[in-house]
Protein backbone atom coordinates (compact mmCIF):
# COMPACT_ATOMS: atom_id res chain seq x y z
CA MET A 1 3.09 10.06 19.24
CA MET A 2 0.36 9.85 22.21
CA ALA A 3 -2.81 11.51 21.87
CA ALA A 4 -3.79 13.66 24.70
CA ARG A 5 -6.70 12.76 26.98
CA LYS A 6 -9.63 14.92 27.19
CA ARG A 7 -10.64 15.62 30.60
CA LYS A 8 -14.39 15.46 31.15
CA LEU A 9 -15.52 18.58 33.10
CA VAL A 10 -17.39 17.77 36.31
CA ALA A 11 -19.92 20.12 37.42
CA GLU A 12 -19.24 21.09 41.11
CA PRO A 13 -22.45 20.56 43.29
CA ARG A 14 -24.07 23.96 44.12
CA GLU A 15 -24.47 25.20 47.73
CA ARG A 16 -27.99 25.33 48.89
CA PRO A 17 -29.28 28.65 49.84
CA ALA A 18 -29.45 28.98 53.91
CA PRO A 19 -32.98 29.20 55.19
CA PRO A 20 -34.25 32.53 56.12
CA GLU A 21 -34.28 31.47 59.52
CA GLU A 22 -30.84 30.24 59.80
CA LYS A 23 -29.64 33.80 58.38
CA ILE A 24 -31.56 35.47 60.96
CA ALA A 25 -29.94 33.55 63.86
CA ARG A 26 -26.71 33.86 62.26
CA LEU A 27 -26.97 37.57 62.22
CA LEU A 28 -28.34 37.71 65.85
CA GLY A 29 -25.21 35.64 67.05
CA MET A 30 -23.09 38.06 65.07
CA LEU A 31 -24.56 41.01 66.72
CA LEU A 32 -24.31 39.17 70.19
CA VAL A 33 -20.46 39.24 69.84
CA LYS A 34 -19.81 42.12 67.51
CA ASP A 35 -17.92 44.03 70.27
CA ILE A 36 -15.69 41.26 71.25
CA LYS A 37 -12.53 41.46 69.66
CA LYS A 38 -10.98 37.80 70.20
CA LYS A 39 -12.81 35.12 68.48
CA THR A 40 -11.56 32.64 71.23
CA ASP A 41 -13.86 34.84 73.60
CA GLN A 42 -16.81 35.02 71.16
CA VAL A 43 -17.00 31.03 71.14
CA PRO A 44 -18.44 30.61 74.64
CA LEU A 45 -21.27 33.36 74.21
CA LEU A 46 -22.37 31.91 70.73
CA ARG A 47 -22.27 28.28 72.31
CA GLY A 48 -24.16 29.34 75.23
CA VAL A 49 -27.06 30.70 73.08
CA GLY A 50 -27.55 27.44 71.52
CA PHE A 51 -25.20 27.54 68.34
CA THR A 52 -23.49 24.04 67.47
CA VAL A 53 -19.79 23.68 66.88
CA THR A 54 -20.11 23.50 63.30
CA GLU A 55 -22.17 26.58 63.05
CA VAL A 56 -19.76 28.67 65.28
CA ALA A 57 -16.90 27.40 63.37
CA ASP A 58 -18.40 28.34 60.14
CA MET A 59 -19.40 31.78 61.40
CA LEU A 60 -15.95 32.73 62.84
CA GLY A 61 -14.05 31.13 60.19
CA MET A 62 -12.21 28.69 62.60
CA GLN A 63 -11.65 25.04 62.64
CA GLU A 64 -14.20 22.93 64.60
CA ASN A 65 -11.56 21.44 67.03
CA HIS A 66 -10.37 24.88 67.98
CA VAL A 67 -13.91 26.21 68.73
CA ARG A 68 -14.15 23.21 71.16
CA VAL A 69 -11.04 23.97 73.01
CA ALA A 70 -11.98 27.84 72.92
CA ASP A 71 -15.49 26.96 74.42
CA HIS A 72 -13.83 24.63 76.96
CA HIS A 73 -11.52 27.41 78.05
CA GLY A 74 -14.01 29.92 78.01
CA ARG A 75 -16.42 27.89 80.36
CA LYS A 76 -13.71 27.11 82.57
CA LYS A 77 -13.11 31.15 83.14
CA ARG A 78 -16.45 31.69 84.33
């Protein structure tokens, strides 16, 4: 009979809380686009006020590549 292997429990790294400035910036960004229904229409506004692709992707729950494409199409419309 083979003995069952014991699995080591590995603690997952904890996320660091966001600094207050980042929380305020995210809140202001969300207020900017709150009345816009489509996420793809929100992207160019958030990018235009200075949010990075990664930040916009996190805020809207999108993939970074999708954010880049939506930003390109949004700027092209203007």
